[in-house]
């Protein structure tokens, strides 16, 4: 089935000229037969690229500071991958399986979040999974100076952009090292971590 279109309407004429710019159609004629308009625009639709971010760290353990950054980043991305870096030379308080379990239970009802592990350069892992952004939280000026240098190096190496979010005032003082010190000395760390960490 074809559709007869009058080209006396300027906007419609321009639209068809754009769509058929590579053809030899004579647009000076008062009317001309074209294929159905739906079939034309279906072939011109743009493919949407998923906005995927990697939030890397050791998460030993995950804290309310991490939780705050991740929750506030959810509206910005289609998917957030919480990626635990594997470093054989670094000693951890919690084994890898336990750290992953803490995170999975914390975000069990959030479909946009996935948890995984990786080795090597973080930007290499981002390229491997086709993630275009790194997500980082900033607690203070010292964090910014440290993270800025890494972000610039990462962009030079791979083109990956780093998105920084400032921590909330209520969680800006929390770090995994503080939480570990409290736990080692039998203190109550429940106000600094998601409830699943202490289960």
N, C-alpha and C. Protein backbone atom coordinates (compact mmCIF):
# COMPACT_ATOMS: atom_id res chain seq x y z
N UNK A 1 0.85 -1.20 0.00
CA UNK A 1 0.00 0.00 0.00
C UNK A 1 0.88 1.24 0.00
N UNK A 2 0.52 2.24 -0.81
CA UNK A 2 1.28 3.50 -0.86
C UNK A 2 0.41 4.65 -0.42
N UNK A 3 1.06 5.78 -0.17
CA UNK A 3 0.36 6.95 0.35
C UNK A 3 0.64 8.14 -0.55
N UNK A 4 -0.42 8.81 -1.02
CA UNK A 4 -0.24 9.96 -1.87
C UNK A 4 -0.15 11.22 -1.02
N UNK A 5 0.97 11.94 -1.16
CA UNK A 5 1.23 13.10 -0.31
C UNK A 5 1.38 14.34 -1.19
N UNK A 6 0.68 15.41 -0.82
CA UNK A 6 0.87 16.69 -1.51
C UNK A 6 2.07 17.39 -0.91
N UNK A 7 2.99 17.84 -1.77
CA UNK A 7 4.21 18.51 -1.29
C UNK A 7 4.06 20.02 -1.28
N UNK A 8 2.80 20.51 -1.27
CA UNK A 8 2.59 21.94 -1.17
C UNK A 8 2.75 22.45 0.25
N UNK A 9 2.80 21.51 1.24
CA UNK A 9 2.97 21.88 2.64
C UNK A 9 4.47 21.91 2.94
N UNK A 10 5.06 23.06 3.25
CA UNK A 10 6.52 23.21 3.37
C UNK A 10 7.16 22.29 4.40
N UNK A 11 6.56 22.14 5.61
CA UNK A 11 7.17 21.32 6.66
C UNK A 11 7.25 19.86 6.25
N UNK A 12 6.16 19.37 5.63
CA UNK A 12 6.14 17.98 5.20
C UNK A 12 7.13 17.76 4.07
N UNK A 13 7.23 18.74 3.18
CA UNK A 13 8.18 18.64 2.08
C UNK A 13 9.61 18.55 2.60
N UNK A 14 9.95 19.38 3.59
CA UNK A 14 11.29 19.36 4.18
C UNK A 14 11.59 18.02 4.84
N UNK A 15 10.58 17.45 5.49
CA UNK A 15 10.78 16.16 6.16
C UNK A 15 11.12 15.08 5.16
N UNK A 16 10.39 15.04 4.05
CA UNK A 16 10.67 14.03 3.04
C UNK A 16 11.99 14.29 2.33
N UNK A 17 12.33 15.54 2.13
CA UNK A 17 13.62 15.85 1.50
C UNK A 17 14.75 15.33 2.38
N UNK A 18 14.61 15.49 3.71
CA UNK A 18 15.63 14.99 4.64
C UNK A 18 15.73 13.47 4.59
N UNK A 19 14.58 12.80 4.61
CA UNK A 19 14.57 11.34 4.66
C UNK A 19 15.06 10.71 3.37
N UNK A 20 14.84 11.40 2.24
CA UNK A 20 15.21 10.84 0.95
C UNK A 20 16.33 11.66 0.27
N UNK A 21 17.19 12.24 1.10
CA UNK A 21 18.23 13.13 0.57
C UNK A 21 19.22 12.40 -0.32
N UNK A 22 19.30 11.10 -0.20
CA UNK A 22 20.24 10.33 -1.01
C UNK A 22 19.60 9.74 -2.27
N UNK A 23 18.34 10.09 -2.51
CA UNK A 23 17.64 9.56 -3.68
C UNK A 23 17.62 10.60 -4.79
N UNK A 24 17.05 10.22 -5.92
CA UNK A 24 16.96 11.13 -7.06
C UNK A 24 15.51 11.53 -7.33
N UNK A 25 14.73 11.65 -6.27
CA UNK A 25 13.32 12.01 -6.43
C UNK A 25 13.19 13.49 -6.81
N UNK A 26 12.29 13.78 -7.73
CA UNK A 26 12.04 15.16 -8.14
C UNK A 26 10.97 15.75 -7.24
N UNK A 27 11.38 16.62 -6.30
CA UNK A 27 10.45 17.17 -5.34
C UNK A 27 9.72 18.40 -5.88
N UNK A 28 9.97 18.79 -7.12
CA UNK A 28 9.29 19.93 -7.70
C UNK A 28 7.92 19.57 -8.24
N UNK A 29 7.64 18.28 -8.33
CA UNK A 29 6.34 17.84 -8.80
C UNK A 29 5.30 18.14 -7.73
N UNK A 30 4.04 18.43 -8.12
CA UNK A 30 3.01 18.79 -7.13
C UNK A 30 2.67 17.65 -6.19
N UNK A 31 2.81 16.42 -6.63
CA UNK A 31 2.53 15.28 -5.75
C UNK A 31 3.36 14.10 -6.21
N UNK A 32 3.57 13.17 -5.30
CA UNK A 32 4.39 12.01 -5.61
C UNK A 32 4.02 10.88 -4.66
N UNK A 33 4.22 9.64 -5.09
CA UNK A 33 3.88 8.50 -4.26
C UNK A 33 5.08 8.09 -3.40
N UNK A 34 4.79 7.88 -2.11
CA UNK A 34 5.82 7.44 -1.16
C UNK A 34 5.34 6.18 -0.45
N UNK A 35 6.27 5.41 0.12
CA UNK A 35 5.88 4.29 0.97
C UNK A 35 5.23 4.80 2.24
N UNK A 36 4.52 3.94 2.97
CA UNK A 36 3.86 4.38 4.21
C UNK A 36 4.84 5.07 5.15
N UNK A 37 4.37 6.16 5.77
CA UNK A 37 5.24 6.99 6.60
C UNK A 37 5.81 6.22 7.79
N UNK A 38 5.02 5.27 8.37
CA UNK A 38 5.50 4.51 9.53
C UNK A 38 6.74 3.70 9.21
N UNK A 39 6.76 3.09 8.05
CA UNK A 39 7.91 2.26 7.68
C UNK A 39 9.16 3.10 7.49
N UNK A 40 8.99 4.38 7.12
CA UNK A 40 10.13 5.26 6.94
C UNK A 40 10.75 5.59 8.29
N UNK A 41 9.92 6.00 9.23
CA UNK A 41 10.45 6.44 10.52
C UNK A 41 10.93 5.29 11.38
N UNK A 42 10.39 4.09 11.19
CA UNK A 42 10.89 2.94 11.95
C UNK A 42 12.36 2.69 11.66
N UNK A 43 12.78 2.90 10.44
CA UNK A 43 14.17 2.66 10.07
C UNK A 43 15.08 3.78 10.52
N UNK A 44 14.50 4.93 10.96
CA UNK A 44 15.29 6.08 11.36
C UNK A 44 15.37 6.24 12.88
N UNK A 45 14.76 5.33 13.63
CA UNK A 45 14.75 5.46 15.07
C UNK A 45 16.16 5.35 15.65
N UNK A 46 16.44 6.17 16.68
CA UNK A 46 17.74 6.13 17.33
C UNK A 46 17.77 5.04 18.40
N UNK A 47 18.91 4.39 18.54
CA UNK A 47 19.09 3.36 19.56
C UNK A 47 19.58 4.04 20.84
N UNK A 48 18.88 3.84 21.94
CA UNK A 48 19.25 4.47 23.21
C UNK A 48 20.37 3.67 23.87
N UNK A 49 21.41 4.35 24.29
CA UNK A 49 22.54 3.69 24.96
C UNK A 49 22.29 3.68 26.46
N UNK A 50 22.43 2.51 27.07
CA UNK A 50 22.22 2.37 28.51
C UNK A 50 23.31 3.12 29.27
N UNK A 51 22.90 3.91 30.25
CA UNK A 51 23.85 4.61 31.12
C UNK A 51 24.23 3.68 32.27
N UNK A 52 25.43 3.15 32.18
CA UNK A 52 25.89 2.15 33.13
C UNK A 52 27.09 2.69 33.91
N UNK A 53 27.03 2.61 35.23
CA UNK A 53 28.13 3.12 36.07
C UNK A 53 28.68 2.00 36.95
N UNK A 54 29.97 2.07 37.19
CA UNK A 54 30.65 1.13 38.10
C UNK A 54 31.02 1.88 39.38
N UNK A 55 30.63 1.32 40.51
CA UNK A 55 31.00 1.87 41.82
C UNK A 55 31.99 0.90 42.45
N UNK A 56 33.30 1.17 42.32
CA UNK A 56 34.31 0.22 42.79
C UNK A 56 34.71 0.46 44.24
N UNK A 57 35.23 -0.58 44.86
CA UNK A 57 35.73 -0.46 46.23
C UNK A 57 35.98 -1.82 46.83
N UNK A 58 36.49 -1.81 48.06
CA UNK A 58 36.69 -3.09 48.77
C UNK A 58 35.47 -3.42 49.63
N UNK A 59 34.74 -2.38 50.09
CA UNK A 59 33.51 -2.56 50.86
C UNK A 59 33.72 -3.52 52.03
N UNK A 60 34.68 -3.16 52.87
CA UNK A 60 35.07 -4.02 53.99
C UNK A 60 34.84 -3.33 55.33
N UNK A 61 33.56 -3.20 55.75
CA UNK A 61 32.32 -3.59 55.07
C UNK A 61 31.68 -2.38 54.37
N UNK A 62 30.54 -2.62 53.71
CA UNK A 62 29.76 -1.53 53.16
C UNK A 62 29.22 -0.70 54.33
N UNK A 63 29.23 0.63 54.17
CA UNK A 63 28.78 1.52 55.23
C UNK A 63 27.56 2.32 54.78
N UNK A 64 27.00 3.10 55.71
CA UNK A 64 25.89 3.97 55.35
C UNK A 64 26.34 5.09 54.41
N UNK A 65 27.64 5.39 54.41
CA UNK A 65 28.17 6.35 53.46
C UNK A 65 28.07 5.81 52.04
N UNK A 66 28.49 4.56 51.84
CA UNK A 66 28.33 3.91 50.53
C UNK A 66 26.85 3.85 50.13
N UNK A 67 26.04 3.45 51.09
CA UNK A 67 24.61 3.28 50.85
C UNK A 67 23.98 4.60 50.38
N UNK A 68 24.37 5.70 51.01
CA UNK A 68 23.86 7.02 50.65
C UNK A 68 24.23 7.40 49.22
N UNK A 69 25.49 7.20 48.85
CA UNK A 69 25.95 7.55 47.50
C UNK A 69 25.22 6.72 46.45
N UNK A 70 25.11 5.43 46.68
CA UNK A 70 24.47 4.53 45.71
C UNK A 70 23.00 4.89 45.52
N UNK A 71 22.29 5.12 46.60
CA UNK A 71 20.86 5.45 46.51
C UNK A 71 20.63 6.75 45.77
N UNK A 72 21.47 7.73 46.01
CA UNK A 72 21.30 9.03 45.36
C UNK A 72 21.73 9.00 43.90
N UNK A 73 22.54 8.01 43.53
CA UNK A 73 22.98 7.89 42.13
C UNK A 73 21.98 7.11 41.28
N UNK A 74 21.07 6.40 41.89
CA UNK A 74 20.13 5.56 41.14
C UNK A 74 19.33 6.33 40.06
N UNK A 75 18.85 7.55 40.34
CA UNK A 75 18.12 8.26 39.28
C UNK A 75 19.00 8.70 38.11
N UNK A 76 20.31 8.68 38.29
CA UNK A 76 21.22 9.17 37.25
C UNK A 76 21.59 8.11 36.22
N UNK A 77 21.43 6.83 36.60
CA UNK A 77 21.92 5.75 35.74
C UNK A 77 20.84 4.68 35.55
N UNK A 78 20.98 3.94 34.45
CA UNK A 78 20.09 2.80 34.20
C UNK A 78 20.53 1.58 34.99
N UNK A 79 21.84 1.50 35.24
CA UNK A 79 22.37 0.36 35.99
C UNK A 79 23.61 0.80 36.76
N UNK A 80 23.73 0.34 38.00
CA UNK A 80 24.92 0.58 38.81
C UNK A 80 25.50 -0.77 39.20
N UNK A 81 26.77 -0.98 38.84
CA UNK A 81 27.46 -2.22 39.19
C UNK A 81 28.37 -1.94 40.37
N UNK A 82 28.07 -2.53 41.50
CA UNK A 82 28.94 -2.43 42.67
C UNK A 82 30.03 -3.48 42.49
N UNK A 83 31.25 -3.01 42.23
CA UNK A 83 32.34 -3.91 41.85
C UNK A 83 33.39 -3.98 42.97
N UNK A 84 33.56 -5.16 43.53
CA UNK A 84 34.55 -5.37 44.59
C UNK A 84 35.87 -5.77 43.96
N UNK A 85 36.86 -4.92 44.15
CA UNK A 85 38.18 -5.21 43.60
C UNK A 85 38.89 -6.29 44.41
N UNK A 86 39.49 -7.23 43.71
CA UNK A 86 40.22 -8.33 44.37
C UNK A 86 41.70 -7.98 44.40
N UNK A 87 42.24 -7.86 45.61
CA UNK A 87 43.64 -7.55 45.82
C UNK A 87 44.21 -8.58 46.79
N UNK A 88 44.99 -9.52 46.28
CA UNK A 88 45.51 -10.61 47.10
C UNK A 88 46.48 -10.12 48.17
N UNK A 89 47.08 -8.94 47.96
CA UNK A 89 48.07 -8.42 48.92
C UNK A 89 47.43 -7.65 50.07
N UNK A 90 46.15 -7.39 49.97
CA UNK A 90 45.48 -6.60 50.99
C UNK A 90 44.69 -7.50 51.94
N UNK A 91 44.86 -7.27 53.24
CA UNK A 91 44.14 -8.06 54.25
C UNK A 91 42.79 -7.41 54.53
N UNK A 92 41.77 -8.26 54.60
CA UNK A 92 40.42 -7.76 54.84
C UNK A 92 39.86 -8.34 56.13
N UNK A 93 38.99 -7.58 56.76
CA UNK A 93 38.33 -8.05 57.97
C UNK A 93 37.29 -9.12 57.63
N UNK A 94 36.55 -8.89 56.52
CA UNK A 94 35.52 -9.82 56.10
C UNK A 94 35.93 -10.50 54.80
N UNK A 95 35.71 -11.81 54.67
CA UNK A 95 36.03 -12.49 53.41
C UNK A 95 35.17 -11.97 52.27
N UNK A 96 35.61 -12.19 51.06
CA UNK A 96 34.92 -11.68 49.87
C UNK A 96 33.46 -12.10 49.83
N UNK A 97 33.21 -13.37 50.10
CA UNK A 97 31.83 -13.89 50.03
C UNK A 97 30.92 -13.15 51.01
N UNK A 98 31.45 -12.84 52.20
CA UNK A 98 30.66 -12.15 53.21
C UNK A 98 30.38 -10.72 52.79
N UNK A 99 31.37 -10.04 52.21
CA UNK A 99 31.17 -8.67 51.76
C UNK A 99 30.12 -8.60 50.65
N UNK A 100 30.18 -9.56 49.72
CA UNK A 100 29.18 -9.60 48.65
C UNK A 100 27.79 -9.86 49.22
N UNK A 101 27.71 -10.72 50.22
CA UNK A 101 26.42 -11.05 50.84
C UNK A 101 25.83 -9.83 51.54
N UNK A 102 26.67 -9.06 52.23
CA UNK A 102 26.19 -7.83 52.87
C UNK A 102 25.53 -6.91 51.85
N UNK A 103 26.20 -6.73 50.71
CA UNK A 103 25.70 -5.80 49.68
C UNK A 103 24.43 -6.34 49.02
N UNK A 104 24.41 -7.63 48.71
CA UNK A 104 23.23 -8.23 48.08
C UNK A 104 22.00 -8.08 48.96
N UNK A 105 22.15 -8.32 50.26
CA UNK A 105 21.02 -8.22 51.18
C UNK A 105 20.58 -6.76 51.34
N UNK A 106 21.52 -5.84 51.30
CA UNK A 106 21.20 -4.42 51.45
C UNK A 106 20.37 -3.90 50.29
N UNK A 107 20.67 -4.39 49.06
CA UNK A 107 19.98 -3.89 47.87
C UNK A 107 19.12 -4.97 47.21
N UNK A 108 18.59 -5.88 48.00
CA UNK A 108 17.85 -7.02 47.46
C UNK A 108 16.64 -6.60 46.64
N UNK A 109 16.05 -5.46 46.94
CA UNK A 109 14.84 -5.03 46.23
C UNK A 109 15.10 -3.95 45.18
N UNK A 110 16.36 -3.78 44.79
CA UNK A 110 16.70 -2.76 43.80
C UNK A 110 17.21 -3.41 42.51
N UNK A 111 16.36 -3.50 41.47
CA UNK A 111 16.73 -4.21 40.23
C UNK A 111 17.83 -3.52 39.42
N UNK A 112 18.06 -2.23 39.65
CA UNK A 112 19.07 -1.52 38.87
C UNK A 112 20.49 -1.76 39.38
N UNK A 113 20.61 -2.48 40.49
CA UNK A 113 21.93 -2.70 41.09
C UNK A 113 22.35 -4.15 40.94
N UNK A 114 23.61 -4.35 40.55
CA UNK A 114 24.20 -5.68 40.51
C UNK A 114 25.54 -5.65 41.24
N UNK A 115 25.96 -6.79 41.74
CA UNK A 115 27.20 -6.90 42.51
C UNK A 115 28.12 -7.90 41.83
N UNK A 116 29.38 -7.52 41.69
CA UNK A 116 30.34 -8.41 41.05
C UNK A 116 31.74 -8.16 41.60
N UNK A 117 32.70 -8.92 41.11
CA UNK A 117 34.10 -8.73 41.49
C UNK A 117 34.93 -8.54 40.22
N UNK A 118 36.12 -7.98 40.39
CA UNK A 118 37.01 -7.80 39.24
C UNK A 118 38.45 -7.76 39.72
N UNK A 119 39.36 -7.98 38.78
CA UNK A 119 40.79 -7.88 39.04
C UNK A 119 41.43 -6.95 38.02
N UNK A 120 42.54 -6.35 38.39
CA UNK A 120 43.24 -5.47 37.46
C UNK A 120 42.75 -4.04 37.54
N UNK A 121 43.02 -3.28 36.47
CA UNK A 121 42.62 -1.88 36.43
C UNK A 121 41.10 -1.73 36.37
N UNK A 122 40.59 -0.79 37.12
CA UNK A 122 39.15 -0.56 37.14
C UNK A 122 38.64 -0.13 35.76
N UNK A 123 39.40 0.71 35.05
CA UNK A 123 38.94 1.17 33.74
C UNK A 123 38.92 0.03 32.72
N UNK A 124 39.82 -0.93 32.86
CA UNK A 124 39.79 -2.10 31.97
C UNK A 124 38.52 -2.90 32.19
N UNK A 125 38.11 -3.01 33.45
CA UNK A 125 36.87 -3.72 33.75
C UNK A 125 35.67 -2.95 33.18
N UNK A 126 35.69 -1.61 33.29
CA UNK A 126 34.60 -0.79 32.74
C UNK A 126 34.47 -1.01 31.23
N UNK A 127 35.59 -1.02 30.53
CA UNK A 127 35.57 -1.24 29.09
C UNK A 127 35.07 -2.64 28.75
N UNK A 128 35.42 -3.59 29.58
CA UNK A 128 35.02 -4.98 29.35
C UNK A 128 33.51 -5.15 29.41
N UNK A 129 32.86 -4.44 30.32
CA UNK A 129 31.41 -4.58 30.48
C UNK A 129 30.65 -3.42 29.82
N UNK A 130 31.37 -2.57 29.08
CA UNK A 130 30.75 -1.46 28.34
C UNK A 130 30.07 -0.46 29.27
N UNK A 131 30.76 -0.14 30.37
CA UNK A 131 30.29 0.91 31.30
C UNK A 131 31.07 2.19 31.00
N UNK A 132 30.35 3.30 30.88
CA UNK A 132 30.98 4.56 30.47
C UNK A 132 31.27 5.50 31.63
N UNK A 133 30.86 5.11 32.84
CA UNK A 133 31.03 6.00 33.99
C UNK A 133 31.55 5.25 35.21
N UNK A 134 32.35 5.96 36.01
CA UNK A 134 32.73 5.52 37.33
C UNK A 134 32.02 6.41 38.34
N UNK A 135 31.53 5.82 39.41
CA UNK A 135 30.85 6.56 40.46
C UNK A 135 31.73 6.60 41.70
N UNK A 136 31.93 7.81 42.25
CA UNK A 136 32.74 7.96 43.45
C UNK A 136 32.07 8.94 44.41
N UNK A 137 32.28 8.71 45.69
CA UNK A 137 31.76 9.61 46.72
C UNK A 137 32.89 10.44 47.31
N UNK A 138 32.59 11.68 47.63
CA UNK A 138 33.58 12.59 48.23
C UNK A 138 33.11 13.01 49.61
N UNK A 139 33.97 12.78 50.62
CA UNK A 139 33.61 13.15 51.99
C UNK A 139 34.21 14.49 52.41
N UNK A 140 35.37 14.82 51.85
CA UNK A 140 36.10 16.01 52.30
C UNK A 140 37.08 16.45 51.21
N UNK A 141 37.75 17.60 51.40
CA UNK A 141 38.71 18.08 50.39
C UNK A 141 39.85 17.10 50.11
N UNK A 142 40.28 16.36 51.11
CA UNK A 142 41.35 15.38 50.90
C UNK A 142 40.91 14.29 49.93
N UNK A 143 39.66 13.84 50.07
CA UNK A 143 39.09 12.87 49.13
C UNK A 143 39.12 13.41 47.71
N UNK A 144 38.74 14.68 47.57
CA UNK A 144 38.68 15.28 46.24
C UNK A 144 40.05 15.30 45.57
N UNK A 145 41.07 15.72 46.29
CA UNK A 145 42.41 15.80 45.70
C UNK A 145 42.90 14.41 45.27
N UNK A 146 42.63 13.43 46.11
CA UNK A 146 43.05 12.06 45.79
C UNK A 146 42.28 11.51 44.59
N UNK A 147 40.96 11.67 44.62
CA UNK A 147 40.10 11.11 43.57
C UNK A 147 40.27 11.86 42.25
N UNK A 148 40.56 13.16 42.32
CA UNK A 148 40.72 13.95 41.11
C UNK A 148 41.86 13.41 40.25
N UNK A 149 42.99 13.12 40.89
CA UNK A 149 44.15 12.61 40.15
C UNK A 149 43.83 11.27 39.49
N UNK A 150 43.15 10.40 40.22
CA UNK A 150 42.78 9.09 39.66
C UNK A 150 41.80 9.25 38.51
N UNK A 151 40.82 10.16 38.66
CA UNK A 151 39.81 10.38 37.62
C UNK A 151 40.46 10.89 36.33
N UNK A 152 41.41 11.80 36.45
CA UNK A 152 42.09 12.32 35.26
C UNK A 152 42.89 11.22 34.57
N UNK A 153 43.60 10.42 35.38
CA UNK A 153 44.38 9.30 34.81
C UNK A 153 43.46 8.31 34.11
N UNK A 154 42.33 8.00 34.72
CA UNK A 154 41.38 7.06 34.12
C UNK A 154 40.83 7.58 32.80
N UNK A 155 40.54 8.88 32.73
CA UNK A 155 40.02 9.46 31.50
C UNK A 155 41.08 9.43 30.39
N UNK A 156 42.34 9.69 30.77
CA UNK A 156 43.43 9.64 29.79
C UNK A 156 43.62 8.22 29.26
N UNK A 157 43.48 7.23 30.14
CA UNK A 157 43.70 5.84 29.75
C UNK A 157 42.57 5.28 28.89
N UNK A 158 41.33 5.69 29.19
CA UNK A 158 40.20 4.98 28.60
C UNK A 158 39.07 5.84 28.08
N UNK A 159 39.04 7.11 28.44
CA UNK A 159 37.90 7.95 28.08
C UNK A 159 36.74 7.82 29.06
N UNK A 160 36.88 6.98 30.08
CA UNK A 160 35.83 6.80 31.09
C UNK A 160 35.73 8.06 31.95
N UNK A 161 34.51 8.56 32.12
CA UNK A 161 34.30 9.72 32.97
C UNK A 161 33.94 9.29 34.39
N UNK A 162 34.38 10.09 35.37
CA UNK A 162 34.06 9.81 36.77
C UNK A 162 33.02 10.81 37.25
N UNK A 163 31.95 10.30 37.85
CA UNK A 163 30.89 11.14 38.41
C UNK A 163 31.07 11.16 39.92
N UNK A 164 31.25 12.37 40.47
CA UNK A 164 31.45 12.53 41.91
C UNK A 164 30.15 12.99 42.56
N UNK A 165 29.82 12.38 43.70
CA UNK A 165 28.71 12.84 44.53
C UNK A 165 29.25 13.14 45.92
N UNK A 166 28.85 14.28 46.46
CA UNK A 166 29.24 14.61 47.83
C UNK A 166 28.39 13.79 48.80
N UNK A 167 29.03 13.29 49.83
CA UNK A 167 28.28 12.53 50.83
C UNK A 167 27.35 13.46 51.60
N UNK A 168 26.31 12.89 52.13
CA UNK A 168 25.41 13.67 52.98
C UNK A 168 26.11 14.04 54.28
N UNK A 169 25.69 15.13 54.87
CA UNK A 169 26.32 15.59 56.12
C UNK A 169 26.23 14.53 57.21
N UNK A 170 25.14 13.77 57.19
CA UNK A 170 24.94 12.76 58.23
C UNK A 170 25.90 11.59 58.13
N UNK A 171 26.48 11.36 56.94
CA UNK A 171 27.35 10.20 56.76
C UNK A 171 28.77 10.57 56.33
N UNK A 172 29.08 11.87 56.28
CA UNK A 172 30.36 12.31 55.73
C UNK A 172 31.56 11.88 56.57
N UNK A 173 31.35 11.56 57.82
CA UNK A 173 32.45 11.16 58.71
C UNK A 173 32.69 9.66 58.73
N UNK A 174 31.82 8.89 58.08
CA UNK A 174 31.88 7.42 58.17
C UNK A 174 32.86 6.86 57.15
N UNK A 175 33.67 5.92 57.57
CA UNK A 175 34.56 5.18 56.66
C UNK A 175 34.60 3.73 57.09
N UNK A 176 34.97 2.87 56.17
CA UNK A 176 35.06 1.44 56.50
C UNK A 176 36.12 1.19 57.56
N UNK A 177 37.20 1.96 57.54
CA UNK A 177 38.28 1.76 58.53
C UNK A 177 37.79 2.09 59.94
N UNK A 178 36.99 3.16 60.08
CA UNK A 178 36.42 3.50 61.39
C UNK A 178 35.51 2.38 61.88
N UNK A 179 34.67 1.87 60.96
CA UNK A 179 33.75 0.79 61.32
C UNK A 179 34.53 -0.45 61.77
N UNK A 180 35.60 -0.80 61.04
CA UNK A 180 36.41 -1.98 61.42
C UNK A 180 37.03 -1.81 62.80
N UNK A 181 37.53 -0.61 63.10
CA UNK A 181 38.14 -0.36 64.41
C UNK A 181 37.12 -0.53 65.53
N UNK A 182 35.90 -0.05 65.29
CA UNK A 182 34.84 -0.19 66.29
C UNK A 182 34.52 -1.66 66.51
N UNK A 183 34.41 -2.42 65.42
CA UNK A 183 34.06 -3.84 65.52
C UNK A 183 35.17 -4.64 66.19
N UNK A 184 36.41 -4.34 65.87
CA UNK A 184 37.54 -5.07 66.47
C UNK A 184 37.57 -4.90 67.99
N UNK A 185 37.10 -3.76 68.44
CA UNK A 185 37.13 -3.46 69.88
C UNK A 185 35.77 -3.66 70.54
N UNK A 186 34.95 -4.49 69.87
CA UNK A 186 33.65 -4.88 70.41
C UNK A 186 32.70 -3.71 70.66
N UNK A 187 32.86 -2.65 69.84
CA UNK A 187 31.94 -1.52 69.96
C UNK A 187 30.70 -1.73 69.12
N UNK A 188 29.75 -0.82 69.27
CA UNK A 188 28.48 -0.90 68.54
C UNK A 188 28.59 -0.06 67.26
N UNK A 189 28.68 -0.73 66.12
CA UNK A 189 28.81 -0.04 64.83
C UNK A 189 27.49 0.03 64.08
N UNK A 190 26.40 -0.30 64.74
CA UNK A 190 25.11 -0.41 64.05
C UNK A 190 24.64 0.91 63.46
N UNK A 191 25.07 2.05 64.01
CA UNK A 191 24.61 3.34 63.50
C UNK A 191 25.42 3.78 62.27
N UNK A 192 26.43 3.00 61.89
CA UNK A 192 27.30 3.38 60.77
C UNK A 192 27.14 2.46 59.55
N UNK A 193 26.43 1.37 59.67
CA UNK A 193 26.34 0.38 58.59
C UNK A 193 24.88 -0.02 58.36
N UNK A 194 24.55 -0.53 57.16
CA UNK A 194 23.21 -1.08 56.94
C UNK A 194 22.96 -2.25 57.89
N UNK A 195 21.72 -2.47 58.23
CA UNK A 195 21.38 -3.48 59.25
C UNK A 195 21.83 -4.87 58.89
N UNK A 196 21.93 -5.19 57.59
CA UNK A 196 22.33 -6.53 57.17
C UNK A 196 23.79 -6.84 57.47
N UNK A 197 24.62 -5.82 57.68
CA UNK A 197 26.03 -6.04 57.95
C UNK A 197 26.23 -6.73 59.29
N UNK A 198 25.34 -6.48 60.23
CA UNK A 198 25.51 -7.03 61.57
C UNK A 198 24.72 -8.30 61.81
N UNK A 199 24.07 -8.82 60.77
CA UNK A 199 23.28 -10.06 60.92
C UNK A 199 24.20 -11.27 60.89
